Amino acid sequence: MKVHFFGGFRASSQNVLAWCKSLEQKQPHVIAIGWPYPIESTAVDPLQRWNFSDPLAKCISVDASECLIVGHSSGCAIANDVANKTLTFGAKNFRLIALDGFRPKPDLLNLPGTMVWSAECNGVRSLNYDVLKDSERFHVYRAKVRKKWPLHFSLVNLNASDNLDDITQGYHNCDANVEVLGLGSPEIA
């Protein structure tokens, strides 16, 4: 299985590599491919500097192996675009997972295996919880952290702590959250 992971706003190559390495250690059958956030793209317009959806979608569509297309935060817009283009090539060998970011369009939400996640702890909700909660494919990860930004990062990094005060620290000491990928036993609400 291949996993294409699209990091959120300001996620560097080092950030997504840390996530990929952690995932591959936990899931030896997985090949993780990390995509950093496009330099100079804003959080509201991730596709501004991204030009790789078509070639990546073509690669996914001709690959016989199962594929996860995973986006976190603003990286979900890129993941959604790649998934949409993959679908236009006729491929059905993928699942789309949106982690507390841009909601997939209805044609992607209707695909089997599509999941939309946010996190919560003791009534505190992650960054994009409220805009995603009405989706049919919405799931809640029950995190151990209690602040909005750490909750947001708990979907990708089990080591996210309430001491997080800068989004560039979200991948620090990364322990990939496999539950939200459907590779563990998720707590689904």
Protein backbone atom coordinates (compact mmCIF):
# COMPACT_ATOMS: atom_id res chain seq x y z
CA MET A 1 0.00 0.00 0.00
CA LYS A 2 1.15 3.52 -0.80
CA VAL A 3 0.23 6.57 1.24
CA HIS A 4 0.55 10.04 -0.25
CA PHE A 5 0.57 12.52 2.63
CA PHE A 6 0.06 16.25 2.07
CA GLY A 7 1.19 18.36 5.01
CA GLY A 8 -0.65 21.47 6.08
CA PHE A 9 0.32 25.12 5.90
CA ARG A 10 4.09 25.58 6.34
CA ALA A 11 4.78 21.82 6.62
CA SER A 12 8.37 21.41 5.47
CA SER A 13 10.08 18.48 3.78
CA GLN A 14 11.50 17.54 7.18
CA ASN A 15 8.03 17.60 8.74
CA VAL A 16 6.42 15.29 6.20
CA LEU A 17 9.49 13.04 6.16
CA ALA A 18 9.22 12.63 9.95
CA TRP A 19 5.58 11.60 9.55
CA CYS A 20 6.40 9.19 6.71
CA LYS A 21 9.23 7.52 8.63
CA SER A 22 7.03 7.05 11.67
CA LEU A 23 4.21 5.58 9.59
CA GLU A 24 6.56 3.16 7.81
CA GLN A 25 8.02 2.01 11.14
CA LYS A 26 4.54 1.29 12.47
CA GLN A 27 3.21 -0.20 9.24
CA PRO A 28 6.03 -2.04 7.40
CA HIS A 29 3.73 -2.88 4.47
CA VAL A 30 3.26 0.84 3.73
CA ILE A 31 5.30 3.04 1.42
CA ALA A 32 4.75 6.62 2.59
CA ILE A 33 5.35 9.54 0.26
CA GLY A 34 5.29 12.97 1.87
CA TRP A 35 4.50 16.20 0.09
CA PRO A 36 5.51 19.44 1.84
CA TYR A 37 3.28 22.46 1.66
CA PRO A 38 4.00 24.54 -1.44
CA ILE A 39 6.34 27.42 -0.65
CA GLU A 40 4.65 30.82 -0.95
CA SER A 41 1.13 29.33 -0.96
CA THR A 42 -1.23 30.80 1.58
CA ALA A 43 -3.29 28.74 4.03
CA VAL A 44 -6.48 29.68 2.19
CA ASP A 45 -5.16 28.98 -1.33
CA PRO A 46 -2.94 25.88 -1.18
CA LEU A 47 -3.23 25.24 -4.92
CA GLN A 48 -1.69 28.64 -5.71
CA ARG A 49 1.83 27.18 -6.18
CA TRP A 50 0.95 23.50 -6.65
CA ASN A 51 1.22 22.07 -10.19
CA PHE A 52 1.54 18.33 -9.61
CA SER A 53 -2.03 17.03 -9.32
CA ASP A 54 -2.27 15.77 -12.91
CA PRO A 55 1.02 13.85 -13.07
CA LEU A 56 0.53 12.41 -9.58
CA ALA A 57 -3.06 11.39 -10.37
CA LYS A 58 -1.84 9.63 -13.52
CA CYS A 59 0.76 7.71 -11.49
CA ILE A 60 -1.82 6.67 -8.91
CA SER A 61 -4.32 5.64 -11.58
CA VAL A 62 -1.91 3.23 -13.31
CA ASP A 63 -0.56 1.74 -10.07
CA ALA A 64 -2.28 -1.53 -9.18
CA SER A 65 -1.63 -1.16 -5.45
CA GLU A 66 -4.10 0.34 -3.01
CA CYS A 67 -3.42 3.98 -2.22
CA LEU A 68 -4.36 6.37 0.55
CA ILE A 69 -4.46 10.06 -0.29
CA VAL A 70 -4.19 11.90 3.02
CA GLY A 71 -4.32 15.63 3.63
CA HIS A 72 -3.85 17.53 6.86
CA SER A 73 -5.23 21.01 7.41
CA SER A 74 -4.72 23.17 4.29
CA GLY A 75 -2.97 20.19 2.69
CA CYS A 76 -6.46 18.67 2.37
CA ALA A 77 -7.17 21.03 -0.54
CA ILE A 78 -4.23 19.51 -2.41
CA ALA A 79 -5.18 15.95 -1.43
CA ASN A 80 -8.75 16.62 -2.59
CA ASP A 81 -7.50 17.97 -5.92
CA VAL A 82 -5.25 14.94 -6.47
CA ALA A 83 -8.09 12.57 -5.55
CA ASN A 84 -10.50 14.36 -7.88
CA LYS A 85 -8.07 14.16 -10.79
CA THR A 86 -7.33 10.50 -9.99
CA LEU A 87 -11.06 9.84 -10.16
CA THR A 88 -11.29 11.56 -13.56
CA PHE A 89 -8.67 9.09 -14.83
CA GLY A 90 -11.08 6.31 -13.85
CA ALA A 91 -9.08 5.02 -10.89
CA LYS A 92 -10.85 3.53 -7.88
CA ASN A 93 -7.78 2.09 -6.14
CA PHE A 94 -7.62 4.90 -3.57
CA ARG A 95 -9.19 6.15 -0.37
CA LEU A 96 -9.24 9.82 0.60
CA ILE A 97 -8.69 10.95 4.18
CA ALA A 98 -9.12 14.59 5.19
CA LEU A 99 -7.61 15.44 8.57
CA ASP A 100 -9.15 18.63 9.97
CA GLY A 101 -8.91 20.61 6.75
CA PHE A 102 -10.79 21.39 3.55
CA ARG A 103 -13.90 19.23 3.11
CA PRO A 104 -13.91 17.02 0.00
CA LYS A 105 -16.55 17.73 -2.65
CA PRO A 106 -19.64 15.48 -2.69
CA ASP A 107 -18.38 13.18 -5.47
CA LEU A 108 -15.31 12.41 -3.34
CA LEU A 109 -17.31 12.16 -0.10
CA ASN A 110 -19.53 9.55 -1.73
CA LEU A 111 -16.60 7.23 -2.48
CA PRO A 112 -16.28 4.18 -0.24
CA GLY A 113 -13.54 4.67 2.30
CA THR A 114 -13.47 8.48 2.27
CA MET A 115 -13.11 9.82 5.81
CA VAL A 116 -13.16 13.30 7.30
CA TRP A 117 -11.64 13.68 10.75
CA SER A 118 -11.40 16.28 13.50
CA ALA A 119 -10.32 15.91 17.11
CA GLU A 120 -11.89 16.66 20.46
CA CYS A 121 -11.03 16.44 24.16
CA ASN A 122 -13.32 17.41 27.04
CA GLY A 123 -15.46 19.66 24.84
CA VAL A 124 -12.50 21.47 23.21
CA ARG A 125 -12.43 20.96 19.46
CA SER A 126 -9.71 21.07 16.84
CA LEU A 127 -9.30 23.97 14.44
CA ASN A 128 -11.76 22.97 11.69
CA TYR A 129 -14.14 20.78 13.67
CA ASP A 130 -17.16 23.06 13.37
CA VAL A 131 -16.95 23.46 9.58
CA LEU A 132 -16.54 19.70 9.03
CA LYS A 133 -18.94 18.20 11.58
CA ASP A 134 -21.94 18.10 9.23
CA SER A 135 -20.27 15.76 6.74
CA GLU A 136 -21.70 12.23 6.42
CA ARG A 137 -18.16 10.87 6.59
CA PHE A 138 -17.23 12.85 9.72
CA HIS A 139 -15.33 11.08 12.51
CA VAL A 140 -14.00 12.37 15.81
CA TYR A 141 -10.63 11.38 17.18
CA ARG A 142 -10.65 11.42 20.99
CA ALA A 143 -7.33 13.05 21.78
CA LYS A 144 -5.46 13.50 25.03
CA VAL A 145 -4.49 17.14 24.46
CA ARG A 146 -6.85 19.96 25.39
CA LYS A 147 -6.02 22.97 23.22
CA LYS A 148 -7.20 23.79 19.69
CA TRP A 149 -3.83 23.64 17.85
CA PRO A 150 -2.50 20.55 19.63
CA LEU A 151 -5.84 18.86 18.87
CA HIS A 152 -5.40 19.85 15.23
CA PHE A 153 -1.96 18.19 15.16
CA SER A 154 -3.02 15.14 17.20
CA LEU A 155 -4.57 13.80 14.00
CA VAL A 156 -1.10 13.41 12.49
CA ASN A 157 1.17 13.24 15.54
CA LEU A 158 0.29 11.34 18.70
CA ASN A 159 3.11 13.22 20.44
CA ALA A 160 1.44 16.61 19.93
CA SER A 161 1.37 18.31 23.33
CA ASP A 162 -0.50 21.17 24.91
CA ASN A 163 2.84 23.04 24.98
CA LEU A 164 2.61 23.53 21.21
CA ASP A 165 2.74 27.25 20.52
CA ASP A 166 3.94 27.36 16.91
CA ILE A 167 2.53 25.33 14.02
CA THR A 168 6.05 24.47 12.87
CA GLN A 169 6.35 22.35 16.05
CA GLY A 170 3.34 20.17 15.20
CA TYR A 171 5.51 17.33 13.83
CA HIS A 172 8.08 17.46 16.65
CA ASN A 173 9.01 13.93 17.76
CA CYS A 174 6.45 12.61 15.27
CA ASP A 175 4.48 9.48 16.14
CA ALA A 176 2.10 9.01 13.19
CA ASN A 177 -1.54 8.55 14.13
CA VAL A 178 -2.51 5.36 12.26
CA GLU A 179 -5.99 5.17 13.74
CA VAL A 180 -7.31 8.02 11.59
CA LEU A 181 -5.93 6.28 8.50
CA GLY A 182 -8.03 3.21 9.10
CA LEU A 183 -4.86 1.22 9.76
CA GLY A 184 -5.55 0.83 13.50
CA SER A 185 -8.66 0.63 15.61
CA PRO A 186 -10.01 4.18 15.52
CA GLU A 187 -12.31 5.66 18.09
CA ILE A 188 -15.09 6.79 15.80
CA ALA A 189 -17.89 9.03 17.01
